[in-house]
Protein backbone atom coordinates (compact mmCIF):
# COMPACT_ATOMS: atom_id res chain seq x y z
CA MET A 1 294.56 10.58 94.24
CA ASP A 2 291.16 9.89 95.79
CA HIS A 3 289.38 10.94 92.61
CA PHE A 4 291.52 8.50 90.65
CA ARG A 5 290.39 5.65 92.93
CA VAL A 6 286.74 6.64 92.55
CA VAL A 7 287.06 6.68 88.76
CA LEU A 8 288.92 3.35 88.76
CA PHE A 9 286.26 1.75 90.96
CA GLY A 10 283.55 3.20 88.70
CA ILE A 11 285.21 1.67 85.64
CA LEU A 12 285.39 -1.68 87.42
CA LEU A 13 281.67 -1.48 88.20
CA ILE A 14 280.89 -0.59 84.59
CA VAL A 15 282.82 -3.62 83.34
CA ILE A 16 281.24 -6.03 85.84
CA GLY A 17 277.76 -4.61 85.30
CA GLY A 18 278.21 -4.66 81.54
CA LEU A 19 279.17 -8.32 81.60
CA ASN A 20 276.11 -9.10 83.70
CA ALA A 21 273.85 -7.11 81.39
CA VAL A 22 275.21 -8.44 78.10
CA PHE A 23 276.02 -12.02 79.11
CA PRO A 24 273.66 -12.96 81.96
CA ALA A 25 273.89 -16.68 81.16
CA LEU A 26 277.68 -16.60 81.40
CA THR A 27 277.67 -14.97 84.81
CA ALA A 28 274.89 -17.30 85.98
CA GLU A 29 276.93 -20.29 84.82
CA PHE A 30 279.97 -18.91 86.63
CA ARG A 31 277.88 -18.53 89.78
CA SER A 32 276.46 -22.03 89.44
CA PHE A 33 279.96 -23.44 88.90
CA TRP A 34 280.80 -22.60 92.52
CA GLN A 35 277.58 -24.25 93.71
CA SER A 36 277.60 -27.21 91.33
CA TRP A 37 278.23 -29.66 94.13
CA GLN A 38 274.77 -28.86 95.55
CA TYR A 39 272.67 -29.56 92.43
CA LYS A 40 272.81 -31.83 89.41
CA ASP A 41 272.21 -30.41 85.95
CA SER A 42 270.95 -27.08 87.23
CA ALA A 43 270.35 -24.31 84.72
CA PRO A 44 269.37 -20.70 85.40
CA THR A 45 265.72 -19.87 84.84
CA ASP A 46 264.50 -17.04 82.63
CA THR A 47 263.65 -15.03 85.74
CA ALA A 48 267.16 -15.48 87.12
CA LEU A 49 268.64 -14.28 83.83
CA LEU A 50 266.34 -11.25 83.80
CA VAL A 51 267.25 -10.32 87.37
CA THR A 52 270.95 -10.74 86.56
CA ARG A 53 270.58 -8.48 83.53
CA ILE A 54 268.67 -5.79 85.48
CA GLY A 55 271.24 -5.95 88.27
CA GLY A 56 274.03 -5.53 85.73
CA ILE A 57 272.36 -2.45 84.29
CA LEU A 58 271.96 -0.93 87.76
CA VAL A 59 275.58 -1.65 88.68
CA SER A 60 276.70 -0.08 85.39
CA LEU A 61 274.66 3.04 86.13
CA VAL A 62 276.28 3.35 89.56
CA GLY A 63 279.67 2.94 87.89
CA ILE A 64 278.88 5.67 85.38
CA ALA A 65 277.82 7.99 88.21
CA LEU A 66 281.08 7.27 90.06
CA VAL A 67 283.16 7.99 86.96
CA LEU A 68 281.32 11.27 86.41
CA TYR A 69 281.65 12.20 90.10
CA GLY A 70 285.31 11.25 90.32
CA GLY A 71 286.08 13.00 87.06
CA GLY A 72 284.57 16.23 88.34
CA VAL A 73 281.60 16.33 85.98
CA ILE A 74 279.09 15.97 88.84
CA ARG A 75 279.59 18.27 91.83
CA VAL A 76 277.97 17.47 95.16
């Protein structure tokens, strides 16, 4: 049962990281939606989009490692 939870959490990380990597503007807009009361007409910079994309790739890699670990492919 614990391995199932690890794999499920890994899949969740892959999905979230993939969305950040493929659609960084969408996730930045979602983030700015919650803070829209602080700024008027704010848009994410190119640097913010790059950092969001890199973070998404890293989160996806952690998710892949968790799926492989939980599935028994990687033994520690």
